[in-house]
Amino acid sequence: MNWIIRLSEQKDFPQLRTIENQIWHSGNTPHVTTYETVADYQKHYSAGSQLVALAADSQEIAGFLGFHPPTNLMAHQKVWGVDVGVHPAFQGKGVGTDLLTAIKALAVKQGIHKLSLRVLSTNPAAIHLYQKNGFQVEGRLKNEFWIEGQFIDDLLMAYFLD
């Protein structure tokens, strides 16, 4: 399937909110956030703060990739933290890989040195996606989260652009 990948726009927020509310659960995030309204979603994200992958035939948003410096420190100006979400109907169809490829190209243009992310050890599909796309485990926070009666490790992963 072909994807059109571009920066997010305000008109995307209703679809992005719907995807966010569908995909997160205790197996892939330590805190499930639900956005009650599009206005709630807009409080957390601004236009242009994400890449979106649109299905070329329908213009439906298949997935997104958020990117931002990990902190407001000037010392973090060469690093972007990333997070990826793919609509359930489009999972396993290359959306995540295409978004990761696109963020790497954008990061190079912006002079970014490193992409970093965190992923729960209970999310093998995401770990596989990231490793397949060149991300490496930099660290493991053992027993970082207590979720549904068990301790879960948090993996720190990174991709270096130069």
Protein backbone atom coordinates (compact mmCIF):
# COMPACT_ATOMS: atom_id res chain seq x y z
CA MET A 1 0.00 0.00 0.00
CA ASN A 2 1.20 3.52 -0.70
CA TRP A 3 1.40 6.13 2.04
CA ILE A 4 1.54 9.87 1.82
CA ILE A 5 3.70 11.03 4.72
CA ARG A 6 3.57 14.65 5.81
CA LEU A 7 3.59 16.84 8.92
CA SER A 8 0.41 16.82 10.94
CA GLU A 9 -2.20 19.53 10.43
CA GLN A 10 -4.99 20.68 12.70
CA LYS A 11 -7.54 18.99 10.41
CA ASP A 12 -5.89 15.65 11.32
CA PHE A 13 -6.64 15.93 15.05
CA PRO A 14 -10.03 14.13 15.02
CA GLN A 15 -8.51 11.07 13.32
CA LEU A 16 -5.34 11.21 15.42
CA ARG A 17 -7.42 11.38 18.62
CA THR A 18 -9.43 8.34 17.50
CA ILE A 19 -6.27 6.34 16.77
CA GLU A 20 -4.68 7.33 20.09
CA ASN A 21 -7.81 6.27 21.96
CA GLN A 22 -7.85 2.89 20.16
CA ILE A 23 -4.25 1.72 20.33
CA TRP A 24 -2.99 2.28 23.86
CA HIS A 25 -3.48 -0.37 26.53
CA SER A 26 -1.57 -1.70 29.54
CA GLY A 27 0.50 -4.00 27.30
CA ASN A 28 2.13 -1.11 25.44
CA THR A 29 2.11 1.90 27.77
CA PRO A 30 2.47 2.44 31.50
CA HIS A 31 -0.31 5.05 31.46
CA VAL A 32 -3.30 4.82 29.14
CA THR A 33 -4.42 8.31 28.21
CA THR A 34 -7.83 8.87 26.70
CA TYR A 35 -8.65 12.13 24.98
CA GLU A 36 -12.33 12.94 25.57
CA THR A 37 -12.48 15.64 22.91
CA VAL A 38 -10.42 16.94 20.02
CA ALA A 39 -9.75 20.04 22.14
CA ASP A 40 -8.22 17.77 24.83
CA TYR A 41 -5.99 16.22 22.20
CA GLN A 42 -4.96 19.63 20.89
CA LYS A 43 -3.78 20.65 24.36
CA HIS A 44 -1.06 17.98 24.12
CA TYR A 45 -0.09 18.18 20.44
CA SER A 46 0.38 21.00 17.99
CA ALA A 47 0.17 20.97 14.22
CA GLY A 48 3.52 19.90 12.79
CA SER A 49 4.62 17.98 15.90
CA GLN A 50 3.94 14.62 14.26
CA LEU A 51 4.35 12.91 10.95
CA VAL A 52 1.18 11.30 9.64
CA ALA A 53 0.91 8.47 7.14
CA LEU A 54 -2.18 8.73 4.97
CA ALA A 55 -3.51 5.90 2.85
CA ALA A 56 -3.00 7.21 -0.70
CA ASP A 57 -6.36 5.91 -1.88
CA SER A 58 -8.60 7.13 0.96
CA GLN A 59 -6.63 9.86 2.76
CA GLU A 60 -7.39 7.98 6.01
CA ILE A 61 -4.65 8.36 8.60
CA ALA A 62 -2.97 4.98 8.95
CA GLY A 63 -0.46 6.03 11.60
CA PHE A 64 1.57 8.78 13.18
CA LEU A 65 5.01 9.44 14.58
CA GLY A 66 5.50 12.14 17.19
CA PHE A 67 8.90 13.79 17.59
CA HIS A 68 10.26 16.30 20.04
CA PRO A 69 13.36 17.09 22.08
CA PRO A 70 13.37 14.95 25.26
CA THR A 71 13.64 18.10 27.41
CA ASN A 72 13.77 21.86 26.95
CA LEU A 73 17.50 21.88 27.74
CA MET A 74 19.78 23.32 25.05
CA ALA A 75 21.95 20.25 25.65
CA HIS A 76 19.14 18.15 24.12
CA GLN A 77 18.91 20.14 20.89
CA LYS A 78 20.42 17.31 18.80
CA VAL A 79 18.11 14.56 20.09
CA TRP A 80 14.48 13.79 19.30
CA GLY A 81 12.33 11.46 21.32
CA VAL A 82 9.90 9.61 19.09
CA ASP A 83 6.66 7.70 19.57
CA VAL A 84 4.83 5.69 16.96
CA GLY A 85 1.19 4.70 16.69
CA VAL A 86 -0.50 2.74 13.91
CA HIS A 87 -4.24 2.34 13.41
CA PRO A 88 -5.20 -1.31 14.09
CA ALA A 89 -6.53 -1.75 10.54
CA PHE A 90 -3.12 -0.81 9.11
CA GLN A 91 -0.78 -2.66 11.47
CA GLY A 92 1.65 -5.02 9.76
CA LYS A 93 1.39 -3.17 6.43
CA GLY A 94 4.62 -1.15 6.57
CA VAL A 95 3.22 2.07 8.05
CA GLY A 96 5.60 2.05 11.03
CA THR A 97 8.63 1.36 8.85
CA ASP A 98 7.72 4.13 6.42
CA LEU A 99 7.19 6.61 9.26
CA LEU A 100 10.56 5.68 10.80
CA THR A 101 12.24 6.10 7.42
CA ALA A 102 10.62 9.51 7.01
CA ILE A 103 11.62 10.73 10.48
CA LYS A 104 15.22 9.70 9.84
CA ALA A 105 15.29 11.82 6.67
CA LEU A 106 13.67 14.80 8.42
CA ALA A 107 16.05 14.47 11.37
CA VAL A 108 19.09 14.53 9.09
CA LYS A 109 17.79 17.71 7.41
CA GLN A 110 17.31 19.28 10.85
CA GLY A 111 20.79 18.33 12.09
CA ILE A 112 19.53 15.81 14.64
CA HIS A 113 22.14 13.30 15.86
CA LYS A 114 19.98 10.75 17.70
CA LEU A 115 16.42 9.42 17.79
CA SER A 116 15.43 7.84 21.08
CA LEU A 117 12.38 6.03 22.38
CA ARG A 118 11.10 3.95 25.24
CA VAL A 119 9.15 0.72 24.80
CA LEU A 120 7.73 -1.75 27.30
CA SER A 121 9.33 -5.20 27.28
CA THR A 122 5.78 -6.59 26.96
CA ASN A 123 5.46 -5.12 23.46
CA PRO A 124 7.44 -7.51 21.23
CA ALA A 125 5.85 -6.29 17.98
CA ALA A 126 7.08 -2.72 18.60
CA ILE A 127 10.52 -3.92 19.70
CA HIS A 128 10.80 -5.96 16.49
CA LEU A 129 9.72 -2.95 14.39
CA TYR A 130 12.31 -0.71 15.98
CA GLN A 131 15.13 -3.27 15.71
CA LYS A 132 14.22 -4.00 12.09
CA ASN A 133 14.62 -0.28 11.45
CA GLY A 134 18.06 -0.01 13.03
CA PHE A 135 17.21 1.00 16.60
CA GLN A 136 19.35 -0.61 19.27
CA VAL A 137 18.66 -1.21 22.94
CA GLU A 138 20.74 1.25 24.93
CA GLY A 139 19.44 0.28 28.31
CA ARG A 140 16.86 -1.61 30.31
CA LEU A 141 15.13 -0.21 33.36
CA LYS A 142 14.37 -3.46 35.16
CA ASN A 143 11.03 -3.70 36.92
CA GLU A 144 10.36 -0.05 36.08
CA PHE A 145 6.57 -0.37 36.06
CA TRP A 146 4.01 -2.31 38.09
CA ILE A 147 1.22 -3.07 35.62
CA GLU A 148 -1.66 -5.46 36.21
CA GLY A 149 0.09 -7.26 39.05
CA GLN A 150 3.51 -7.69 37.49
CA PHE A 151 6.75 -5.78 37.09
CA ILE A 152 7.55 -4.70 33.54
CA ASP A 153 10.93 -3.60 32.15
CA ASP A 154 11.22 -0.39 30.16
CA LEU A 155 13.63 -0.58 27.19
CA LEU A 156 15.54 2.50 26.07
CA MET A 157 16.27 2.34 22.35
CA ALA A 158 18.13 4.67 19.99
CA TYR A 159 19.05 5.24 16.38
CA PHE A 160 22.13 7.34 15.55
CA LEU A 161 21.97 9.42 12.39
CA ASP A 162 25.68 10.13 11.89
